Amino acid sequence: MVSAKTGRTAAGPRRRPREEIQEGSEVILVTGATGRVGYHLMEALADAGAEATAMVRVPARAAGLPGTGRYLVADLDDPPPPQVLRAFDRVFLLSPALEEQAALETVFIDALVSAGHGPHVVKVAADGLADPDCHVRFVLSHRQVAKHLDAVGLPATYLAPSVYMENLLAAAATIRDDGTLPAPAGRGRVGFVAARDVAAVAARVLTSPGHEDASYVVTGPEALSYADVAARISAVFAREVDYEDQPPERARERMLAAGLTRWEAEGSLELFEWISGGGADTVTDTVRELTGEDPRRLEDWLSQSRASFLTEQPPDRPARAF
């Protein structure tokens, strides 16, 4: 992994009728296409005029996706056969921060190797990937996958986003009902980044040459403490919101009650410990250098997400740390 390079994305939206992928098409394969980064990536690739194909578990999940309308039905642990994978020379690799993440991504990488054509893999990891002092289990999983990618010799680019602004949505009910933003983060600062900006960087890497063996730390424009975040929420929503620096024991109870597994909750506490120790205060120019646009400010993202914070939303899977 080496230092970041620069570039600028193309524009010009384009949509096509939905169609299933035909063998032999030379397009970008996007895993995780229905997630918070993947959906925005499909939009960005459509704007760039790229021939992108979404990998989905069931055909119905492809119906609402932007882009060319191409999709294939598969999963990381049940990958497409070699003759289908050979159609792709670039693969976007993204999966949820589950305990099985490294194993699932390794199975998929081995399938790419078996296809025999050596596609360029653009893998989403997390900030801390290159920090030897970061022992957060989510990051360790990404390092395990990176080690495997290096061992099998596939060309790879790593995107290491900071904590997503979208993770703040997990506290929406508490912010709305109690006027508090709870987190065991101490005074640690975070370069919160919007998922849409991570997707824009990924689109640039997938549609331009020269990114092999590069690693990009992707952040927002500034490092903010959770007290800073509470102050920004207060200003944008015109209501008082205070930061509650929760003890880890109380934070663990809250995470488990919200539906996180114990592995995920313990990983989140490791992340907050890393944050409180100053590990996540990195700010980079990656978004501007690769896309030509400034990364979104937290205030702008909050304004765009107003409804999600101020009105009760349908229950969903709780946000993970990465």
Protein backbone atom coordinates (compact mmCIF):
# COMPACT_ATOMS: atom_id res chain seq x y z
CA MET A 1 0.00 0.00 0.00
CA VAL A 2 1.39 3.40 -0.98
CA SER A 3 0.42 7.05 -0.77
CA ALA A 4 -2.60 8.60 -2.46
CA LYS A 5 -2.70 9.86 -6.04
CA THR A 6 -4.93 12.54 -7.55
CA GLY A 7 -7.67 12.62 -10.17
CA ARG A 8 -11.09 14.01 -11.17
CA THR A 9 -14.33 12.23 -12.00
CA ALA A 10 -16.39 12.60 -15.17
CA ALA A 11 -20.08 13.55 -15.17
CA GLY A 12 -23.29 13.11 -17.18
CA PRO A 13 -26.08 10.91 -15.73
CA ARG A 14 -27.33 7.97 -17.73
CA ARG A 15 -29.95 5.31 -16.98
CA ARG A 16 -31.00 2.20 -18.86
CA PRO A 17 -33.80 -0.36 -18.55
CA ARG A 18 -33.14 -3.15 -16.04
CA GLU A 19 -31.53 -6.23 -17.55
CA GLU A 20 -29.69 -9.27 -16.25
CA ILE A 21 -25.96 -9.45 -16.98
CA GLN A 22 -25.01 -11.36 -20.10
CA GLU A 23 -21.88 -13.50 -20.04
CA GLY A 24 -18.96 -11.76 -21.74
CA SER A 25 -19.90 -8.19 -20.82
CA GLU A 26 -16.88 -6.16 -19.71
CA VAL A 27 -18.14 -4.14 -16.76
CA ILE A 28 -17.27 -3.22 -13.18
CA LEU A 29 -18.63 -5.60 -10.55
CA VAL A 30 -20.00 -3.92 -7.42
CA THR A 31 -20.53 -6.01 -4.30
CA GLY A 32 -22.48 -4.42 -1.47
CA ALA A 33 -24.42 -2.48 -4.10
CA THR A 34 -27.55 -2.04 -1.97
CA GLY A 35 -25.70 -0.60 1.05
CA ARG A 36 -25.07 3.00 2.04
CA VAL A 37 -21.82 3.25 0.06
CA GLY A 38 -22.71 0.82 -2.70
CA TYR A 39 -25.94 2.58 -3.69
CA HIS A 40 -24.17 5.93 -4.02
CA LEU A 41 -21.39 4.19 -5.95
CA MET A 42 -23.90 2.85 -8.46
CA GLU A 43 -25.15 6.44 -8.88
CA ALA A 44 -21.63 7.79 -9.35
CA LEU A 45 -20.70 5.11 -11.87
CA ALA A 46 -23.87 5.84 -13.83
CA ASP A 47 -22.96 9.54 -13.85
CA ALA A 48 -19.51 8.58 -15.17
CA GLY A 49 -21.05 6.48 -17.95
CA ALA A 50 -19.43 3.31 -16.60
CA GLU A 51 -20.76 -0.17 -17.32
CA ALA A 52 -21.35 -1.32 -13.74
CA THR A 53 -22.96 -4.54 -12.61
CA ALA A 54 -24.47 -4.97 -9.15
CA MET A 55 -24.07 -8.26 -7.29
CA VAL A 56 -27.23 -8.94 -5.26
CA ARG A 57 -28.55 -11.85 -3.24
CA VAL A 58 -32.01 -11.81 -4.86
CA PRO A 59 -33.16 -10.17 -8.11
CA ALA A 60 -35.68 -7.95 -6.31
CA ARG A 61 -32.83 -6.08 -4.59
CA ALA A 62 -31.60 -4.85 -7.98
CA ALA A 63 -34.90 -3.27 -8.97
CA GLY A 64 -34.31 0.09 -7.29
CA LEU A 65 -30.64 0.51 -8.04
CA PRO A 66 -29.36 3.32 -10.28
CA GLY A 67 -27.08 2.70 -13.23
CA THR A 68 -27.03 0.43 -16.23
CA GLY A 69 -29.58 -2.02 -14.85
CA ARG A 70 -27.13 -4.92 -15.03
CA TYR A 71 -27.01 -7.33 -12.10
CA LEU A 72 -26.09 -10.86 -11.17
CA VAL A 73 -27.36 -12.98 -8.30
CA ALA A 74 -24.63 -14.27 -6.00
CA ASP A 75 -23.11 -13.82 -2.56
CA LEU A 76 -19.59 -13.56 -1.18
CA ASP A 77 -19.71 -17.14 0.11
CA ASP A 78 -21.55 -18.33 -3.01
CA PRO A 79 -19.70 -16.42 -5.74
CA PRO A 80 -20.42 -16.48 -9.46
CA PRO A 81 -18.72 -19.20 -11.51
CA PRO A 82 -15.35 -18.48 -13.15
CA GLN A 83 -16.81 -17.92 -16.62
CA VAL A 84 -18.99 -15.10 -15.23
CA LEU A 85 -16.26 -13.53 -13.08
CA ARG A 86 -13.96 -13.34 -16.12
CA ALA A 87 -16.29 -10.68 -17.55
CA PHE A 88 -15.04 -8.17 -14.95
CA ASP A 89 -11.69 -6.47 -14.92
CA ARG A 90 -12.48 -4.33 -11.85
CA VAL A 91 -14.23 -5.49 -8.68
CA PHE A 92 -15.48 -3.31 -5.83
CA LEU A 93 -15.29 -5.36 -2.61
CA LEU A 94 -17.41 -4.27 0.35
CA SER A 95 -19.13 -6.27 3.06
CA PRO A 96 -20.65 -5.54 6.49
CA ALA A 97 -18.50 -5.52 9.62
CA LEU A 98 -19.53 -9.00 10.75
CA GLU A 99 -17.48 -11.54 12.64
CA GLU A 100 -17.38 -13.60 9.43
CA GLN A 101 -16.26 -10.71 7.22
CA ALA A 102 -12.69 -11.85 6.62
CA ALA A 103 -13.78 -15.42 5.87
CA LEU A 104 -16.51 -14.29 3.46
CA GLU A 105 -14.25 -11.90 1.55
CA THR A 106 -11.49 -14.53 1.39
CA VAL A 107 -13.86 -17.02 -0.25
CA PHE A 108 -14.80 -14.41 -2.84
CA ILE A 109 -11.17 -13.42 -3.49
CA ASP A 110 -10.27 -17.08 -4.02
CA ALA A 111 -13.07 -17.30 -6.59
CA LEU A 112 -11.55 -14.32 -8.43
CA VAL A 113 -8.17 -16.05 -8.38
CA SER A 114 -9.71 -19.25 -9.73
CA ALA A 115 -11.20 -17.29 -12.62
CA GLY A 116 -7.61 -16.78 -13.74
CA HIS A 117 -7.75 -13.27 -15.23
CA GLY A 118 -6.41 -11.17 -12.34
CA PRO A 119 -9.01 -8.40 -11.90
CA HIS A 120 -8.18 -5.19 -10.03
CA VAL A 121 -9.86 -5.29 -6.61
CA VAL A 122 -10.91 -2.04 -4.92
CA LYS A 123 -11.50 -3.01 -1.30
CA VAL A 124 -13.21 -0.87 1.31
CA ALA A 125 -11.43 -1.20 4.66
CA ALA A 126 -11.39 1.36 7.50
CA ASP A 127 -9.25 4.12 8.94
CA GLY A 128 -6.59 2.51 11.10
CA LEU A 129 -5.68 -0.06 8.45
CA ALA A 130 -2.10 1.24 8.31
CA ASP A 131 -1.86 2.18 12.01
CA PRO A 132 0.10 -0.53 13.87
CA ASP A 133 -1.33 0.76 17.15
CA CYS A 134 -4.93 0.17 16.02
CA HIS A 135 -6.15 -3.18 17.32
CA VAL A 136 -9.86 -2.70 16.69
CA ARG A 137 -11.25 -6.05 15.57
CA PHE A 138 -12.98 -4.55 12.54
CA VAL A 139 -9.62 -3.23 11.33
CA LEU A 140 -7.91 -6.54 12.09
CA SER A 141 -10.42 -8.27 9.82
CA HIS A 142 -9.55 -5.87 7.00
CA ARG A 143 -5.84 -6.47 7.55
CA GLN A 144 -6.43 -10.20 7.30
CA VAL A 145 -8.16 -9.72 3.94
CA ALA A 146 -5.40 -7.35 2.74
CA LYS A 147 -2.77 -9.92 3.67
CA HIS A 148 -4.64 -12.52 1.64
CA LEU A 149 -4.97 -10.20 -1.35
CA ASP A 150 -1.22 -9.57 -1.22
CA ALA A 151 -0.52 -13.31 -0.97
CA VAL A 152 -2.60 -14.24 -4.02
CA GLY A 153 -1.13 -11.40 -6.08
CA LEU A 154 -4.27 -9.65 -7.28
CA PRO A 155 -3.82 -5.92 -8.01
CA ALA A 156 -5.58 -4.05 -5.22
CA THR A 157 -6.48 -0.59 -3.99
CA TYR A 158 -7.59 0.04 -0.42
CA LEU A 159 -10.08 2.69 0.65
CA ALA A 160 -9.87 3.35 4.41
CA PRO A 161 -12.79 5.62 5.37
CA SER A 162 -13.07 7.32 8.72
CA VAL A 163 -16.23 6.74 10.75
CA TYR A 164 -19.28 7.38 8.57
CA MET A 165 -21.55 10.31 9.34
CA GLU A 166 -24.40 7.86 8.75
CA ASN A 167 -23.42 6.04 11.96
CA LEU A 168 -24.84 9.01 13.87
CA LEU A 169 -28.30 7.86 12.75
CA ALA A 170 -28.07 5.07 15.35
CA ALA A 171 -28.51 7.79 17.99
CA ALA A 172 -31.41 9.53 16.21
CA ALA A 173 -34.08 8.40 18.68
CA THR A 174 -32.01 9.46 21.69
CA ILE A 175 -31.24 12.81 20.08
CA ARG A 176 -34.91 13.34 19.25
CA ASP A 177 -36.44 12.10 22.50
CA ASP A 178 -33.83 12.94 25.15
CA GLY A 179 -31.71 15.67 23.56
CA THR A 180 -28.51 13.67 24.07
CA LEU A 181 -25.82 12.15 21.86
CA PRO A 182 -24.44 9.17 23.82
CA ALA A 183 -21.03 7.66 23.04
CA PRO A 184 -18.04 6.40 25.09
CA ALA A 185 -15.64 8.55 23.04
CA GLY A 186 -14.21 10.88 25.68
CA ARG A 187 -12.68 13.93 24.04
CA GLY A 188 -11.48 12.02 21.00
CA ARG A 189 -11.93 13.57 17.58
CA VAL A 190 -13.06 11.88 14.36
CA GLY A 191 -12.75 12.86 10.68
CA PHE A 192 -16.39 11.87 10.03
CA VAL A 193 -17.04 11.23 6.33
CA ALA A 194 -20.26 10.95 4.32
CA ALA A 195 -20.90 7.65 2.55
CA ARG A 196 -21.58 9.55 -0.67
CA ASP A 197 -18.03 10.98 -0.60
CA VAL A 198 -16.52 7.52 -0.08
CA ALA A 199 -18.56 6.33 -3.07
CA ALA A 200 -17.29 9.24 -5.18
CA VAL A 201 -13.69 8.29 -4.39
CA ALA A 202 -14.42 4.65 -5.20
CA ALA A 203 -15.97 5.62 -8.54
CA ARG A 204 -12.85 7.57 -9.48
CA VAL A 205 -10.56 4.69 -8.57
CA LEU A 206 -12.72 2.22 -10.50
CA THR A 207 -12.87 4.33 -13.66
CA SER A 208 -9.32 5.65 -13.98
CA PRO A 209 -5.85 4.06 -14.22
CA GLY A 210 -2.93 4.32 -11.86
CA HIS A 211 -4.41 3.29 -8.51
CA GLU A 212 -2.97 -0.21 -8.16
CA ASP A 213 -1.24 -0.81 -4.80
CA ALA A 214 -2.49 2.54 -3.46
CA SER A 215 -4.19 3.03 -0.10
CA TYR A 216 -6.44 6.06 0.47
CA VAL A 217 -7.60 7.27 3.86
CA VAL A 218 -10.94 8.96 3.17
CA THR A 219 -12.19 11.58 5.64
CA GLY A 220 -14.42 14.58 5.92
CA PRO A 221 -13.08 18.16 6.03
CA GLU A 222 -12.38 18.32 9.78
CA ALA A 223 -11.88 16.25 12.91
CA LEU A 224 -14.73 16.70 15.39
CA SER A 225 -15.26 15.55 18.95
CA TYR A 226 -18.64 14.13 19.86
CA ALA A 227 -19.24 17.32 21.85
CA ASP A 228 -18.59 19.23 18.59
CA VAL A 229 -21.05 16.97 16.81
CA ALA A 230 -23.71 17.61 19.46
CA ALA A 231 -23.17 21.35 19.04
CA ARG A 232 -23.56 21.09 15.25
CA ILE A 233 -26.75 19.04 15.68
CA SER A 234 -28.07 21.71 18.04
CA ALA A 235 -27.33 24.46 15.53
CA VAL A 236 -28.80 22.69 12.51
CA PHE A 237 -31.96 21.41 14.21
CA ALA A 238 -32.44 24.49 16.42
CA ARG A 239 -32.76 22.44 19.60
CA GLU A 240 -30.38 21.76 22.47
CA VAL A 241 -28.49 18.46 22.17
CA ASP A 242 -25.76 17.53 24.66
CA TYR A 243 -22.99 14.97 24.37
CA GLU A 244 -23.19 12.21 26.98
CA ASP A 245 -19.79 10.55 27.51
CA GLN A 246 -21.12 7.14 28.46
CA PRO A 247 -19.17 4.62 30.53
CA PRO A 248 -18.26 1.57 28.41
CA GLU A 249 -20.51 -0.69 30.50
CA ARG A 250 -23.57 1.48 29.80
CA ALA A 251 -22.62 1.80 26.12
CA ARG A 252 -22.34 -1.99 25.85
CA GLU A 253 -25.83 -2.44 27.33
CA ARG A 254 -27.25 0.13 24.90
CA MET A 255 -25.61 -1.53 21.87
CA LEU A 256 -26.81 -5.02 22.81
CA ALA A 257 -30.31 -3.71 23.44
CA ALA A 258 -30.26 -2.06 20.00
CA GLY A 259 -29.57 -5.43 18.35
CA LEU A 260 -25.81 -5.56 17.86
CA THR A 261 -24.20 -8.93 18.49
CA ARG A 262 -21.76 -9.17 21.39
CA TRP A 263 -18.86 -9.36 18.90
CA GLU A 264 -20.05 -6.17 17.21
CA ALA A 265 -20.61 -4.39 20.53
CA GLU A 266 -17.15 -5.29 21.81
CA GLY A 267 -15.65 -4.15 18.51
CA SER A 268 -17.49 -0.85 18.78
CA LEU A 269 -16.09 -0.33 22.28
CA GLU A 270 -12.60 -1.03 20.93
CA LEU A 271 -13.23 1.56 18.26
CA PHE A 272 -14.35 4.17 20.78
CA GLU A 273 -11.28 3.44 22.91
CA TRP A 274 -9.14 4.07 19.81
CA ILE A 275 -11.07 7.28 19.14
CA SER A 276 -10.72 8.52 22.72
CA GLY A 277 -6.97 7.93 22.50
CA GLY A 278 -6.67 10.19 19.45
CA GLY A 279 -6.37 7.47 16.80
CA ALA A 280 -9.21 8.71 14.56
CA ASP A 281 -8.38 12.42 14.33
CA THR A 282 -6.82 12.11 10.86
CA VAL A 283 -7.98 14.53 8.15
CA THR A 284 -6.91 13.99 4.52
CA ASP A 285 -7.43 15.72 1.17
CA THR A 286 -8.32 12.44 -0.57
CA VAL A 287 -11.88 13.43 -1.54
CA ARG A 288 -10.79 16.74 -3.06
CA GLU A 289 -7.69 15.29 -4.77
CA LEU A 290 -9.53 12.38 -6.39
CA THR A 291 -12.93 13.89 -7.15
CA GLY A 292 -12.22 17.61 -7.52
CA GLU A 293 -14.96 18.36 -4.97
CA ASP A 294 -14.71 19.23 -1.30
CA PRO A 295 -15.98 16.59 1.14
CA ARG A 296 -19.34 17.26 2.74
CA ARG A 297 -19.41 19.20 5.99
CA LEU A 298 -21.29 17.65 8.87
CA GLU A 299 -23.78 20.54 8.89
CA ASP A 300 -24.69 19.92 5.25
CA TRP A 301 -25.11 16.19 5.83
CA LEU A 302 -27.28 16.85 8.90
CA SER A 303 -29.50 19.21 6.91
CA GLN A 304 -29.96 16.58 4.21
CA SER A 305 -30.74 13.95 6.87
CA ARG A 306 -33.14 16.11 8.88
CA ALA A 307 -36.15 13.81 8.45
CA SER A 308 -34.22 10.77 9.68
CA PHE A 309 -33.35 12.56 12.91
CA LEU A 310 -36.56 14.43 13.65
CA THR A 311 -39.22 11.84 12.71
CA GLU A 312 -39.48 8.25 13.86
CA GLN A 313 -38.17 5.87 11.23
CA PRO A 314 -39.05 2.19 10.59
CA PRO A 315 -36.84 -0.18 12.61
CA ASP A 316 -33.67 -1.21 10.78
CA ARG A 317 -30.43 -3.05 11.43
CA PRO A 318 -28.39 -0.97 13.93
CA ALA A 319 -25.46 0.93 12.44
CA ARG A 320 -22.09 -0.69 12.88
CA ALA A 321 -18.85 1.08 13.54
CA PHE A 322 -17.57 0.63 9.97
